[in-house]
Amino acid sequence: MAQNKLFIGNLSFRATEEELNEVFGQYGELEEVKIILDRETGRSRGFAFVTFVDEASAQDALKLDGTAVSGRDIRVSIATERPQRPAGDRGMRNDRGNRGNRF
């Protein structure tokens, strides 16, 4: 994964993408700022991704780890690939792990 994308954790539910733009934009040109929202409620899930145009700016912005944003100390790290889940095997199971009879 690219080294210019940061994971921002422990984010206040009140934080906005504009606010993150201001804070992280001080470290270089931003390509994208994305607060991750819950699909069902539309509310923030408490984390975001910030992508810089270049890796050097992203490395510099790691200094923001532990900085207060919207009243919470954020966690900043280089984003990593999310492990892939197995594609199949999503059927309903009972408590013993058996699929049971599904007609």
Foldseek 3Di string as FASTA:
>chain_A
DDLQKKKKAQADQPDDQVQVCVLLPVLAAWPDKAFDADPPPRTGPGMIMTGHPDNVSLVVSQVQQQPDDPRTRMHMDGDDDDDDDDPDDPADADPVRDNPDDD
